């Protein structure tokens, strides 16, 4: 039966690494029922990495849960690595992992950048996707990146001011370029504080109500470096998306069902983006969460995500 909240803490029954080329080795784990219905968790960022709490969206008796850290993120190596770190490379990594684990079809579960990557993978490999649960939709369009860098000032002026004022005055006219130069500097004394400033900005804007614990987690050295450096790298390169972006290729997904969970007050990925996606996808259903921002862990959002996963129970 569907639950109202996250499932209890659980450890993986299998972990491993997979070399994927250009020096990248991705970490993966499996959780739940080895004979269960396969589901792939795709973390956000890009570069944020996955955590133990992400295992808890899935009934461990029903689901064979696959979680991995994308190139340069989390427990994958090298941390913050940018060589051959593009969306097509990540899509190829997912397909390599599917083959490595012997899975024919799986449900895709992803939020924020995880929704972007889920869409990109499904457009390339629709036959291997049994359905999709997406949250806080991000399509990687230039206006969405501009909103993150500048537009959030309208709602979080104090967080945006701190984000800007971290940079030297001469770099504040080009926030992305200024941060990118610092984040890719080989000196930890340069890139580490820049990563923390970037990540604190994102964490501060991710919930409807202030969450000091979330901001602290975003600011941790290892998670901050992967998140900030890789996000800036992707933003500098238009998210490595195809011409016309993801919406231009939605014809590939018209036979796939999707549940989209969106916080009404999501200021990192505003709800208009989710609405645009649903307009282009006849098999997608949008659930607007009226008391939530961007984070998957806000109470109403996490309950809706668990319920959305349960609606795919038995649909392989």
C-alpha atoms as a PDB file:
ATOM      1  CA  UNK A   1       0.000   0.000   0.000  1.00  0.00           C
ATOM      2  CA  UNK A   2       1.208   3.582  -0.611  1.00  0.00           C
ATOM      3  CA  UNK A   3       2.852   5.295   2.308  1.00  0.00           C
ATOM      4  CA  UNK A   4       2.449   8.869   3.420  1.00  0.00           C
ATOM      5  CA  UNK A   5       6.142   9.637   3.814  1.00  0.00           C
ATOM      6  CA  UNK A   6       9.644   8.320   3.226  1.00  0.00           C
ATOM      7  CA  UNK A   7      10.441   4.679   3.860  1.00  0.00           C
ATOM      8  CA  UNK A   8      12.840   3.715   6.706  1.00  0.00           C
ATOM      9  CA  UNK A   9      16.593   4.092   6.338  1.00  0.00           C
ATOM     10  CA  UNK A  10      18.189   1.283   4.383  1.00  0.00           C
ATOM     11  CA  UNK A  11      21.642   0.342   3.149  1.00  0.00           C
ATOM     12  CA  UNK A  12      22.546  -0.998  -0.289  1.00  0.00           C
ATOM     13  CA  UNK A  13      22.682  -4.718  -0.958  1.00  0.00           C
ATOM     14  CA  UNK A  14      25.320  -4.161  -3.644  1.00  0.00           C
ATOM     15  CA  UNK A  15      27.794  -1.417  -4.527  1.00  0.00           C
ATOM     16  CA  UNK A  16      30.330  -1.076  -7.288  1.00  0.00           C
ATOM     17  CA  UNK A  17      32.219   1.178  -9.636  1.00  0.00           C
ATOM     18  CA  UNK A  18      32.181   1.368 -13.417  1.00  0.00           C
ATOM     19  CA  UNK A  19      34.979   2.923 -15.511  1.00  0.00           C
ATOM     20  CA  UNK A  20      33.373   4.984 -18.274  1.00  0.00           C
ATOM     21  CA  UNK A  21      36.373   6.517 -20.008  1.00  0.00           C
ATOM     22  CA  UNK A  22      38.525   9.666 -19.880  1.00  0.00           C
ATOM     23  CA  UNK A  23      39.596   8.752 -16.340  1.00  0.00           C
ATOM     24  CA  UNK A  24      36.037   8.801 -14.964  1.00  0.00           C
ATOM     25  CA  UNK A  25      34.908   5.993 -12.655  1.00  0.00           C
ATOM     26  CA  UNK A  26      31.290   6.188 -11.528  1.00  0.00           C
ATOM     27  CA  UNK A  27      30.000   4.841  -8.221  1.00  0.00           C
ATOM     28  CA  UNK A  28      26.736   2.880  -8.198  1.00  0.00           C
ATOM     29  CA  UNK A  29      24.646   1.002  -5.670  1.00  0.00           C
ATOM     30  CA  UNK A  30      21.538  -1.155  -5.575  1.00  0.00           C
ATOM     31  CA  UNK A  31      18.931  -1.008  -2.813  1.00  0.00           C
ATOM     32  CA  UNK A  32      15.745  -2.906  -2.007  1.00  0.00           C
ATOM     33  CA  UNK A  33      14.552  -6.064  -3.721  1.00  0.00           C
ATOM     34  CA  UNK A  34      17.043  -7.660  -6.178  1.00  0.00           C
ATOM     35  CA  UNK A  35      14.096  -9.258  -8.002  1.00  0.00           C
ATOM     36  CA  UNK A  36      11.961  -6.126  -7.824  1.00  0.00           C
ATOM     37  CA  UNK A  37      10.786  -3.579 -10.332  1.00  0.00           C
ATOM     38  CA  UNK A  38      13.807  -1.554 -11.551  1.00  0.00           C
ATOM     39  CA  UNK A  39      13.974   2.197 -10.909  1.00  0.00           C
ATOM     40  CA  UNK A  40      16.886   4.559 -11.537  1.00  0.00           C
ATOM     41  CA  UNK A  41      17.439   7.570  -9.270  1.00  0.00           C
ATOM     42  CA  UNK A  42      19.039  10.567 -11.014  1.00  0.00           C
ATOM     43  CA  UNK A  43      20.459  13.230  -8.715  1.00  0.00           C
ATOM     44  CA  UNK A  44      20.410  16.945  -9.296  1.00  0.00           C
ATOM     45  CA  UNK A  45      23.021  19.584  -9.885  1.00  0.00           C
ATOM     46  CA  UNK A  46      24.579  18.680 -12.221  1.00  0.00           C
ATOM     47  CA  UNK A  47      27.268  17.611  -9.791  1.00  0.00           C
ATOM     48  CA  UNK A  48      25.303  17.340  -6.534  1.00  0.00           C
ATOM     49  CA  UNK A  49      25.719  13.592  -6.039  1.00  0.00           C
ATOM     50  CA  UNK A  50      23.285  11.200  -4.355  1.00  0.00           C
ATOM     51  CA  UNK A  51      22.810  10.594  -0.632  1.00  0.00           C
ATOM     52  CA  UNK A  52      21.414   7.917   1.636  1.00  0.00           C
ATOM     53  CA  UNK A  53      18.090   9.756   1.996  1.00  0.00           C
ATOM     54  CA  UNK A  54      17.404   9.236  -1.690  1.00  0.00           C
ATOM     55  CA  UNK A  55      17.023   5.489  -1.128  1.00  0.00           C
ATOM     56  CA  UNK A  56      13.965   6.179   0.992  1.00  0.00           C
ATOM     57  CA  UNK A  57      11.560   7.281  -1.763  1.00  0.00           C
ATOM     58  CA  UNK A  58      11.053   3.641  -2.764  1.00  0.00           C
ATOM     59  CA  UNK A  59       9.349   0.682  -1.096  1.00  0.00           C
ATOM     60  CA  UNK A  60      12.284  -1.738  -0.602  1.00  0.00           C
ATOM     61  CA  UNK A  61       9.984  -4.738  -0.936  1.00  0.00           C
ATOM     62  CA  UNK A  62       8.787  -3.650  -4.379  1.00  0.00           C
ATOM     63  CA  UNK A  63      11.640  -1.830  -6.061  1.00  0.00           C
ATOM     64  CA  UNK A  64      15.118  -2.675  -7.263  1.00  0.00           C
ATOM     65  CA  UNK A  65      16.591   0.786  -6.808  1.00  0.00           C
ATOM     66  CA  UNK A  66      19.703   1.806  -8.751  1.00  0.00           C
ATOM     67  CA  UNK A  67      21.489   4.949  -7.573  1.00  0.00           C
ATOM     68  CA  UNK A  68      24.689   6.335  -9.038  1.00  0.00           C
ATOM     69  CA  UNK A  69      26.835   9.446  -8.806  1.00  0.00           C
ATOM     70  CA  UNK A  70      27.282  11.128 -12.171  1.00  0.00           C
ATOM     71  CA  UNK A  71      30.703  12.019 -13.590  1.00  0.00           C
ATOM     72  CA  UNK A  72      32.646  14.251 -11.220  1.00  0.00           C
ATOM     73  CA  UNK A  73      30.020  14.062  -8.461  1.00  0.00           C
ATOM     74  CA  UNK A  74      29.739  12.469  -5.033  1.00  0.00           C
ATOM     75  CA  UNK A  75      31.634   9.192  -4.745  1.00  0.00           C
ATOM     76  CA  UNK A  76      32.567   9.059  -8.431  1.00  0.00           C
ATOM     77  CA  UNK A  77      36.108   9.972  -9.386  1.00  0.00           C
ATOM     78  CA  UNK A  78      37.701  12.361 -10.048  1.00  0.00           C
ATOM     79  CA  UNK A  79      35.628  14.732  -7.931  1.00  0.00           C
ATOM     80  CA  UNK A  80      34.788  17.823  -9.961  1.00  0.00           C
ATOM     81  CA  UNK A  81      36.332  16.346 -13.109  1.00  0.00           C
ATOM     82  CA  UNK A  82      35.285  18.266 -16.233  1.00  0.00           C
ATOM     83  CA  UNK A  83      37.046  16.338 -19.013  1.00  0.00           C
ATOM     84  CA  UNK A  84      34.413  14.721 -21.241  1.00  0.00           C
ATOM     85  CA  UNK A  85      31.740  15.689 -18.744  1.00  0.00           C
ATOM     86  CA  UNK A  86      28.752  16.502 -20.958  1.00  0.00           C
ATOM     87  CA  UNK A  87      25.106  15.510 -21.181  1.00  0.00           C
ATOM     88  CA  UNK A  88      25.727  12.984 -24.008  1.00  0.00           C
ATOM     89  CA  UNK A  89      28.479  11.395 -21.909  1.00  0.00           C
ATOM     90  CA  UNK A  90      26.113  11.092 -18.928  1.00  0.00           C
ATOM     91  CA  UNK A  91      23.415   9.568 -21.133  1.00  0.00           C
ATOM     92  CA  UNK A  92      25.974   7.028 -22.396  1.00  0.00           C
ATOM     93  CA  UNK A  93      26.997   6.286 -18.785  1.00  0.00           C
ATOM     94  CA  UNK A  94      23.391   5.510 -17.841  1.00  0.00           C
ATOM     95  CA  UNK A  95      23.046   3.137 -20.762  1.00  0.00           C
ATOM     96  CA  UNK A  96      26.364   1.471 -19.895  1.00  0.00           C
ATOM     97  CA  UNK A  97      25.168   1.019 -16.313  1.00  0.00           C
ATOM     98  CA  UNK A  98      21.855  -0.471 -17.491  1.00  0.00           C
ATOM     99  CA  UNK A  99      23.672  -3.033 -19.586  1.00  0.00           C
ATOM    100  CA  UNK A 100      26.187  -3.716 -16.803  1.00  0.00           C
ATOM    101  CA  UNK A 101      23.374  -4.532 -14.363  1.00  0.00           C
ATOM    102  CA  UNK A 102      21.356  -6.550 -16.880  1.00  0.00           C
ATOM    103  CA  UNK A 103      18.221  -4.400 -16.696  1.00  0.00           C
ATOM    104  CA  UNK A 104      15.875  -4.304 -19.672  1.00  0.00           C
ATOM    105  CA  UNK A 105      13.579  -1.408 -18.677  1.00  0.00           C
ATOM    106  CA  UNK A 106      13.448   0.904 -15.690  1.00  0.00           C
ATOM    107  CA  UNK A 107      11.436   3.717 -14.193  1.00  0.00           C
ATOM    108  CA  UNK A 108      13.329   7.015 -14.183  1.00  0.00           C
ATOM    109  CA  UNK A 109      13.122   9.211 -11.062  1.00  0.00           C
ATOM    110  CA  UNK A 110      14.840  12.598 -11.197  1.00  0.00           C
ATOM    111  CA  UNK A 111      14.498  16.114  -9.875  1.00  0.00           C
ATOM    112  CA  UNK A 112      15.917  19.456 -10.994  1.00  0.00           C
ATOM    113  CA  UNK A 113      18.943  18.575 -13.184  1.00  0.00           C
ATOM    114  CA  UNK A 114      17.905  14.950 -12.628  1.00  0.00           C
ATOM    115  CA  UNK A 115      14.728  15.731 -14.576  1.00  0.00           C
ATOM    116  CA  UNK A 116      16.815  17.186 -17.414  1.00  0.00           C
ATOM    117  CA  UNK A 117      19.022  14.126 -17.581  1.00  0.00           C
ATOM    118  CA  UNK A 118      16.031  11.781 -17.350  1.00  0.00           C
ATOM    119  CA  UNK A 119      14.450  13.506 -20.354  1.00  0.00           C
ATOM    120  CA  UNK A 120      17.690  13.426 -22.341  1.00  0.00           C
ATOM    121  CA  UNK A 121      18.189   9.723 -21.618  1.00  0.00           C
ATOM    122  CA  UNK A 122      14.569   8.826 -22.388  1.00  0.00           C
ATOM    123  CA  UNK A 123      14.692  10.698 -25.684  1.00  0.00           C
ATOM    124  CA  UNK A 124      17.729   8.639 -26.683  1.00  0.00           C
ATOM    125  CA  UNK A 125      16.628   5.281 -25.221  1.00  0.00           C
ATOM    126  CA  UNK A 126      12.840   5.321 -24.978  1.00  0.00           C
ATOM    127  CA  UNK A 127      12.517   1.553 -25.364  1.00  0.00           C
ATOM    128  CA  UNK A 128      14.313   1.053 -22.060  1.00  0.00           C
ATOM    129  CA  UNK A 129      12.090   3.454 -20.063  1.00  0.00           C
ATOM    130  CA  UNK A 130       8.960   2.113 -18.347  1.00  0.00           C
ATOM    131  CA  UNK A 131       7.852   5.500 -17.003  1.00  0.00           C
ATOM    132  CA  UNK A 132       9.125   8.693 -15.383  1.00  0.00           C
ATOM    133  CA  UNK A 133       8.693  10.549 -12.097  1.00  0.00           C
ATOM    134  CA  UNK A 134      10.093  14.082 -12.345  1.00  0.00           C
ATOM    135  CA  UNK A 135      10.294  16.900  -9.804  1.00  0.00           C
ATOM    136  CA  UNK A 136      11.277  20.570 -10.041  1.00  0.00           C
ATOM    137  CA  UNK A 137      11.576  20.460 -13.805  1.00  0.00           C
ATOM    138  CA  UNK A 138      14.602  22.076 -15.431  1.00  0.00           C
ATOM    139  CA  UNK A 139      14.847  22.147 -19.238  1.00  0.00           C
ATOM    140  CA  UNK A 140      18.194  23.921 -19.418  1.00  0.00           C
ATOM    141  CA  UNK A 141      16.956  26.808 -21.566  1.00  0.00           C
ATOM    142  CA  UNK A 142      18.969  30.063 -21.510  1.00  0.00           C
ATOM    143  CA  UNK A 143      16.174  31.924 -19.716  1.00  0.00           C
ATOM    144  CA  UNK A 144      16.195  29.315 -16.933  1.00  0.00           C
ATOM    145  CA  UNK A 145      19.942  29.687 -16.402  1.00  0.00           C
ATOM    146  CA  UNK A 146      19.568  33.473 -16.433  1.00  0.00           C
ATOM    147  CA  UNK A 147      16.837  33.186 -13.798  1.00  0.00           C
ATOM    148  CA  UNK A 148      19.165  31.174 -11.553  1.00  0.00           C
ATOM    149  CA  UNK A 149      22.022  33.646 -11.938  1.00  0.00           C
ATOM    150  CA  UNK A 150      20.012  36.882 -11.816  1.00  0.00           C
ATOM    151  CA  UNK A 151      16.251  36.433 -11.544  1.00  0.00           C
ATOM    152  CA  UNK A 152      16.178  34.876  -8.074  1.00  0.00           C
ATOM    153  CA  UNK A 153      17.266  38.272  -6.771  1.00  0.00           C
ATOM    154  CA  UNK A 154      13.603  39.310  -7.009  1.00  0.00           C
ATOM    155  CA  UNK A 155      12.688  36.830  -4.261  1.00  0.00           C
ATOM    156  CA  UNK A 156      15.988  36.264  -2.411  1.00  0.00           C
ATOM    157  CA  UNK A 157      17.775  39.625  -2.634  1.00  0.00           C
ATOM    158  CA  UNK A 158      19.975  39.022   0.409  1.00  0.00           C
ATOM    159  CA  UNK A 159      21.158  35.610  -0.850  1.00  0.00           C
ATOM    160  CA  UNK A 160      21.770  37.035  -4.317  1.00  0.00           C
ATOM    161  CA  UNK A 161      23.712  39.966  -2.896  1.00  0.00           C
ATOM    162  CA  UNK A 162      26.013  37.594  -0.994  1.00  0.00           C
ATOM    163  CA  UNK A 163      26.405  35.509  -4.167  1.00  0.00           C
ATOM    164  CA  UNK A 164      27.441  38.595  -6.158  1.00  0.00           C
ATOM    165  CA  UNK A 165      29.608  40.228  -3.518  1.00  0.00           C
ATOM    166  CA  UNK A 166      31.749  37.145  -3.093  1.00  0.00           C
ATOM    167  CA  UNK A 167      33.318  38.006  -6.452  1.00  0.00           C
ATOM    168  CA  UNK A 168      35.771  40.897  -6.899  1.00  0.00           C
ATOM    169  CA  UNK A 169      33.966  44.047  -8.106  1.00  0.00           C
ATOM    170  CA  UNK A 170      35.467  43.763 -11.581  1.00  0.00           C
ATOM    171  CA  UNK A 171      33.897  40.293 -12.079  1.00  0.00           C
ATOM    172  CA  UNK A 172      30.351  41.078 -10.947  1.00  0.00           C
ATOM    173  CA  UNK A 173      29.247  42.110 -14.423  1.00  0.00           C
ATOM    174  CA  UNK A 174      29.688  38.483 -15.524  1.00  0.00           C
ATOM    175  CA  UNK A 175      28.683  36.288 -12.605  1.00  0.00           C
ATOM    176  CA  UNK A 176      28.966  33.009 -14.471  1.00  0.00           C
ATOM    177  CA  UNK A 177      32.320  33.806 -16.030  1.00  0.00           C
ATOM    178  CA  UNK A 178      33.706  35.135 -12.754  1.00  0.00           C
ATOM    179  CA  UNK A 179      32.670  32.060 -10.814  1.00  0.00           C
ATOM    180  CA  UNK A 180      33.801  29.698 -13.552  1.00  0.00           C
ATOM    181  CA  UNK A 181      37.314  31.147 -13.497  1.00  0.00           C
ATOM    182  CA  UNK A 182      37.546  30.697  -9.730  1.00  0.00           C
ATOM    183  CA  UNK A 183      35.912  27.262  -9.653  1.00  0.00           C
ATOM    184  CA  UNK A 184      38.326  25.890 -12.252  1.00  0.00           C
ATOM    185  CA  UNK A 185      41.391  27.411 -10.591  1.00  0.00           C
ATOM    186  CA  UNK A 186      43.629  24.522  -9.433  1.00  0.00           C
ATOM    187  CA  UNK A 187      44.343  26.210  -6.091  1.00  0.00           C
ATOM    188  CA  UNK A 188      41.977  24.962  -3.353  1.00  0.00           C
ATOM    189  CA  UNK A 189      42.337  28.326  -1.641  1.00  0.00           C
ATOM    190  CA  UNK A 190      40.603  29.825  -4.684  1.00  0.00           C
ATOM    191  CA  UNK A 191      38.090  27.184  -5.809  1.00  0.00           C
ATOM    192  CA  UNK A 192      36.947  25.978  -2.380  1.00  0.00           C
ATOM    193  CA  UNK A 193      35.454  29.244  -1.066  1.00  0.00           C
ATOM    194  CA  UNK A 194      33.950  29.968  -4.508  1.00  0.00           C
ATOM    195  CA  UNK A 195      32.245  26.561  -4.451  1.00  0.00           C
ATOM    196  CA  UNK A 196      30.851  27.233  -1.003  1.00  0.00           C
ATOM    197  CA  UNK A 197      29.513  30.659  -2.000  1.00  0.00           C
ATOM    198  CA  UNK A 198      27.789  29.218  -5.089  1.00  0.00           C
ATOM    199  CA  UNK A 199      26.326  26.265  -3.190  1.00  0.00           C
ATOM    200  CA  UNK A 200      25.109  28.348  -0.244  1.00  0.00           C
ATOM    201  CA  UNK A 201      23.286  30.606  -2.701  1.00  0.00           C
ATOM    202  CA  UNK A 202      21.506  27.636  -4.272  1.00  0.00           C
ATOM    203  CA  UNK A 203      20.713  26.019  -0.935  1.00  0.00           C
ATOM    204  CA  UNK A 204      19.355  29.272   0.497  1.00  0.00           C
ATOM    205  CA  UNK A 205      16.829  29.528  -2.341  1.00  0.00           C
ATOM    206  CA  UNK A 206      15.730  25.884  -2.430  1.00  0.00           C
ATOM    207  CA  UNK A 207      12.974  25.717   0.193  1.00  0.00           C
ATOM    208  CA  UNK A 208       9.757  27.572   0.868  1.00  0.00           C
ATOM    209  CA  UNK A 209      10.748  28.083   4.523  1.00  0.00           C
ATOM    210  CA  UNK A 210      14.358  28.663   5.590  1.00  0.00           C
ATOM    211  CA  UNK A 211      16.285  25.423   6.174  1.00  0.00           C
ATOM    212  CA  UNK A 212      19.653  26.012   7.869  1.00  0.00           C
ATOM    213  CA  UNK A 213      20.393  22.268   7.780  1.00  0.00           C
ATOM    214  CA  UNK A 214      19.980  22.167   4.009  1.00  0.00           C
ATOM    215  CA  UNK A 215      22.231  25.201   3.542  1.00  0.00           C
ATOM    216  CA  UNK A 216      24.877  23.590   5.768  1.00  0.00           C
ATOM    217  CA  UNK A 217      24.720  20.392   3.702  1.00  0.00           C
ATOM    218  CA  UNK A 218      25.132  22.358   0.470  1.00  0.00           C
ATOM    219  CA  UNK A 219      28.176  24.125   1.930  1.00  0.00           C
ATOM    220  CA  UNK A 220      30.149  20.973   2.771  1.00  0.00           C
ATOM    221  CA  UNK A 221      33.476  21.041   0.934  1.00  0.00           C
ATOM    222  CA  UNK A 222      33.087  17.866  -1.115  1.00  0.00           C
ATOM    223  CA  UNK A 223      29.472  18.346  -2.157  1.00  0.00           C
ATOM    224  CA  UNK A 224      30.014  22.057  -2.826  1.00  0.00           C
ATOM    225  CA  UNK A 225      32.936  21.508  -5.195  1.00  0.00           C
ATOM    226  CA  UNK A 226      31.161  18.935  -7.361  1.00  0.00           C
ATOM    227  CA  UNK A 227      27.946  20.942  -7.460  1.00  0.00           C
ATOM    228  CA  UNK A 228      29.364  24.395  -8.132  1.00  0.00           C
ATOM    229  CA  UNK A 229      32.174  23.506 -10.549  1.00  0.00           C
ATOM    230  CA  UNK A 230      30.091  21.140 -12.667  1.00  0.00           C
ATOM    231  CA  UNK A 231      27.024  23.403 -12.683  1.00  0.00           C
ATOM    232  CA  UNK A 232      29.126  26.326 -13.877  1.00  0.00           C
ATOM    233  CA  UNK A 233      30.744  24.101 -16.521  1.00  0.00           C
ATOM    234  CA  UNK A 234      27.348  23.010 -17.829  1.00  0.00           C
ATOM    235  CA  UNK A 235      25.899  26.526 -17.695  1.00  0.00           C
ATOM    236  CA  UNK A 236      28.875  27.844 -19.675  1.00  0.00           C
ATOM    237  CA  UNK A 237      28.099  25.284 -22.393  1.00  0.00           C
ATOM    238  CA  UNK A 238      24.296  25.564 -22.679  1.00  0.00           C
ATOM    239  CA  UNK A 239      23.908  22.314 -20.718  1.00  0.00           C
ATOM    240  CA  UNK A 240      25.283  20.379 -23.718  1.00  0.00           C
ATOM    241  CA  UNK A 241      21.722  19.976 -25.017  1.00  0.00           C
ATOM    242  CA  UNK A 242      20.724  19.292 -28.651  1.00  0.00           C
ATOM    243  CA  UNK A 243      19.663  22.039 -31.075  1.00  0.00           C
ATOM    244  CA  UNK A 244      16.210  23.240 -30.127  1.00  0.00           C
ATOM    245  CA  UNK A 245      16.617  21.882 -26.613  1.00  0.00           C
ATOM    246  CA  UNK A 246      14.645  19.071 -25.019  1.00  0.00           C
ATOM    247  CA  UNK A 247      11.195  20.331 -26.014  1.00  0.00           C
ATOM    248  CA  UNK A 248      12.091  19.940 -29.686  1.00  0.00           C
ATOM    249  CA  UNK A 249      12.437  16.179 -29.210  1.00  0.00           C
ATOM    250  CA  UNK A 250       9.359  15.341 -27.163  1.00  0.00           C
ATOM    251  CA  UNK A 251       7.902  13.204 -29.976  1.00  0.00           C
ATOM    252  CA  UNK A 252      10.198  10.431 -28.727  1.00  0.00           C
ATOM    253  CA  UNK A 253       8.343  10.308 -25.379  1.00  0.00           C
ATOM    254  CA  UNK A 254       4.715  10.288 -26.442  1.00  0.00           C
ATOM    255  CA  UNK A 255       4.273   6.608 -25.501  1.00  0.00           C
ATOM    256  CA  UNK A 256       5.805   7.042 -22.009  1.00  0.00           C
ATOM    257  CA  UNK A 257       3.735   7.945 -18.939  1.00  0.00           C
ATOM    258  CA  UNK A 258       5.070  10.518 -16.509  1.00  0.00           C
ATOM    259  CA  UNK A 259       4.199  11.976 -13.117  1.00  0.00           C
ATOM    260  CA  UNK A 260       5.531  15.502 -12.589  1.00  0.00           C
ATOM    261  CA  UNK A 261       5.684  16.910  -9.056  1.00  0.00           C
ATOM    262  CA  UNK A 262       6.260  20.648  -8.890  1.00  0.00           C
ATOM    263  CA  UNK A 263       6.500  23.058  -5.959  1.00  0.00           C
ATOM    264  CA  UNK A 264       4.271  26.087  -6.528  1.00  0.00           C
ATOM    265  CA  UNK A 265       6.926  28.320  -4.949  1.00  0.00           C
ATOM    266  CA  UNK A 266       9.974  26.663  -6.494  1.00  0.00           C
ATOM    267  CA  UNK A 267      12.338  29.579  -7.053  1.00  0.00           C
ATOM    268  CA  UNK A 268      15.245  27.541  -8.456  1.00  0.00           C
ATOM    269  CA  UNK A 269      13.143  25.907 -11.192  1.00  0.00           C
ATOM    270  CA  UNK A 270       9.915  27.941 -11.367  1.00  0.00           C
ATOM    271  CA  UNK A 271       6.685  26.087 -12.209  1.00  0.00           C
ATOM    272  CA  UNK A 272       6.254  27.634 -15.640  1.00  0.00           C
ATOM    273  CA  UNK A 273       8.898  25.213 -16.908  1.00  0.00           C
ATOM    274  CA  UNK A 274       6.963  22.171 -15.689  1.00  0.00           C
ATOM    275  CA  UNK A 275       3.850  23.598 -17.321  1.00  0.00           C
ATOM    276  CA  UNK A 276       5.697  23.986 -20.635  1.00  0.00           C
ATOM    277  CA  UNK A 277       6.797  20.364 -20.436  1.00  0.00           C
ATOM    278  CA  UNK A 278       3.295  19.053 -19.746  1.00  0.00           C
ATOM    279  CA  UNK A 279       1.934  21.105 -22.658  1.00  0.00           C
ATOM    280  CA  UNK A 280       4.338  19.196 -24.930  1.00  0.00           C
ATOM    281  CA  UNK A 281       3.746  15.746 -23.391  1.00  0.00           C
ATOM    282  CA  UNK A 282       0.276  14.237 -23.596  1.00  0.00           C
ATOM    283  CA  UNK A 283       1.131  11.294 -21.288  1.00  0.00           C
ATOM    284  CA  UNK A 284       2.451  13.491 -18.459  1.00  0.00           C
ATOM    285  CA  UNK A 285       0.397  14.475 -15.405  1.00  0.00           C
ATOM    286  CA  UNK A 286       1.344  17.531 -13.365  1.00  0.00           C
ATOM    287  CA  UNK A 287       0.753  17.732  -9.608  1.00  0.00           C
ATOM    288  CA  UNK A 288       1.349  21.217  -8.208  1.00  0.00           C
ATOM    289  CA  UNK A 289       2.405  21.227  -4.545  1.00  0.00           C
ATOM    290  CA  UNK A 290       0.912  24.353  -3.035  1.00  0.00           C
ATOM    291  CA  UNK A 291       3.139  24.615   0.060  1.00  0.00           C
ATOM    292  CA  UNK A 292       6.598  23.806  -1.297  1.00  0.00           C
ATOM    293  CA  UNK A 293       9.643  25.251  -3.003  1.00  0.00           C
ATOM    294  CA  UNK A 294      12.360  23.344  -4.868  1.00  0.00           C
ATOM    295  CA  UNK A 295      13.642  20.712  -2.453  1.00  0.00           C
ATOM    296  CA  UNK A 296      12.522  17.101  -2.800  1.00  0.00           C
ATOM    297  CA  UNK A 297      12.566  16.814   0.992  1.00  0.00           C
ATOM    298  CA  UNK A 298       9.891  19.373   1.811  1.00  0.00           C
ATOM    299  CA  UNK A 299       7.068  17.435   3.507  1.00  0.00           C
ATOM    300  CA  UNK A 300       4.321  17.732   0.900  1.00  0.00           C
ATOM    301  CA  UNK A 301       6.731  17.170  -1.978  1.00  0.00           C
ATOM    302  CA  UNK A 302       8.277  14.031  -0.572  1.00  0.00           C
ATOM    303  CA  UNK A 303       4.833  12.566   0.141  1.00  0.00           C
ATOM    304  CA  UNK A 304       3.749  13.340  -3.420  1.00  0.00           C
ATOM    305  CA  UNK A 305       6.897  11.754  -4.835  1.00  0.00           C
ATOM    306  CA  UNK A 306       6.377   8.541  -2.871  1.00  0.00           C
ATOM    307  CA  UNK A 307       2.764   8.412  -4.077  1.00  0.00           C
ATOM    308  CA  UNK A 308       3.850   9.060  -7.675  1.00  0.00           C
ATOM    309  CA  UNK A 309       6.309   6.160  -7.568  1.00  0.00           C
ATOM    310  CA  UNK A 310       3.601   3.902  -6.170  1.00  0.00           C
ATOM    311  CA  UNK A 311       1.374   4.683  -9.157  1.00  0.00           C
ATOM    312  CA  UNK A 312       3.928   2.859 -11.333  1.00  0.00           C
ATOM    313  CA  UNK A 313       3.880  -0.249  -9.158  1.00  0.00           C
ATOM    314  CA  UNK A 314       3.670  -3.357 -11.343  1.00  0.00           C
ATOM    315  CA  UNK A 315       4.140  -1.453 -14.618  1.00  0.00           C
ATOM    316  CA  UNK A 316       7.369  -2.866 -16.011  1.00  0.00           C
END
